[in-house]
């Protein structure tokens, strides 16, 4: 799970494997596989970096190199 912050300041955790794609318009919006849209305070690069760290912890990156 990665930590993200809603615009209102609430911190929560998201399973990055369930993120279909990310939009920046200008707010960062995570579009989940379920179709749900989550608007977060973090910028795209911060979310991307957290996903990379999470996947490295799982060892998932070995199959992606």
Protein backbone atom coordinates (compact mmCIF):
# COMPACT_ATOMS: atom_id res chain seq x y z
CA UNK A 1 0.00 0.00 0.00
CA UNK A 2 1.10 3.55 -0.66
CA UNK A 3 0.17 6.55 1.45
CA UNK A 4 -1.65 9.45 -0.21
CA UNK A 5 -3.56 12.48 1.07
CA UNK A 6 -7.04 13.61 0.07
CA UNK A 7 -7.47 17.30 -0.73
CA UNK A 8 -9.18 17.73 2.66
CA UNK A 9 -6.07 16.46 4.47
CA UNK A 10 -7.16 12.91 5.28
CA UNK A 11 -4.31 10.45 4.88
CA UNK A 12 -5.17 7.02 3.49
CA UNK A 13 -3.52 4.06 1.78
CA UNK A 14 -4.12 2.71 -1.71
CA UNK A 15 -3.11 -0.58 -3.28
CA UNK A 16 -1.08 0.61 -6.30
CA UNK A 17 -1.87 -2.59 -8.19
CA UNK A 18 -5.46 -1.36 -8.42
CA UNK A 19 -4.56 1.95 -10.07
CA UNK A 20 -5.43 1.85 -13.76
CA UNK A 21 -3.91 5.23 -14.61
CA UNK A 22 -3.13 8.67 -13.17
CA UNK A 23 -4.37 12.01 -14.50
CA UNK A 24 -3.00 15.46 -13.71
CA UNK A 25 -5.62 18.09 -14.50
CA UNK A 26 -4.14 20.04 -12.51
CA UNK A 27 -4.96 17.93 -9.44
CA UNK A 28 -3.51 14.45 -9.34
CA UNK A 29 -6.33 11.93 -9.84
CA UNK A 30 -5.91 8.20 -9.39
CA UNK A 31 -8.32 6.26 -11.58
CA UNK A 32 -8.83 2.84 -10.06
CA UNK A 33 -9.65 -0.38 -11.91
CA UNK A 34 -13.11 -0.16 -10.36
CA UNK A 35 -13.65 3.21 -12.07
CA UNK A 36 -13.47 5.14 -8.80
CA UNK A 37 -11.55 8.44 -9.02
CA UNK A 38 -9.40 9.56 -6.08
CA UNK A 39 -8.12 13.14 -6.09
CA UNK A 40 -4.95 13.49 -4.01
CA UNK A 41 -2.64 16.31 -2.88
CA UNK A 42 0.55 14.62 -4.02
CA UNK A 43 1.93 15.42 -7.45
CA UNK A 44 2.33 12.73 -10.11
CA UNK A 45 6.05 12.23 -9.48
CA UNK A 46 5.53 11.66 -5.75
CA UNK A 47 2.86 9.03 -6.39
CA UNK A 48 5.02 7.40 -9.07
CA UNK A 49 8.04 7.29 -6.73
CA UNK A 50 5.96 5.71 -3.94
CA UNK A 51 4.70 3.04 -6.34
CA UNK A 52 8.28 2.24 -7.42
CA UNK A 53 9.45 1.94 -3.79
CA UNK A 54 6.45 -0.27 -2.94
CA UNK A 55 7.05 -2.57 -5.90
CA UNK A 56 10.76 -2.85 -5.07
CA UNK A 57 9.84 -3.89 -1.54
CA UNK A 58 7.71 -6.67 -3.00
CA UNK A 59 10.43 -7.70 -5.42
CA UNK A 60 8.09 -7.05 -8.36
CA UNK A 61 10.67 -5.00 -10.23
CA UNK A 62 12.78 -8.06 -11.05
CA UNK A 63 10.24 -9.12 -13.67
CA UNK A 64 10.08 -5.63 -15.15
CA UNK A 65 13.74 -4.92 -15.81
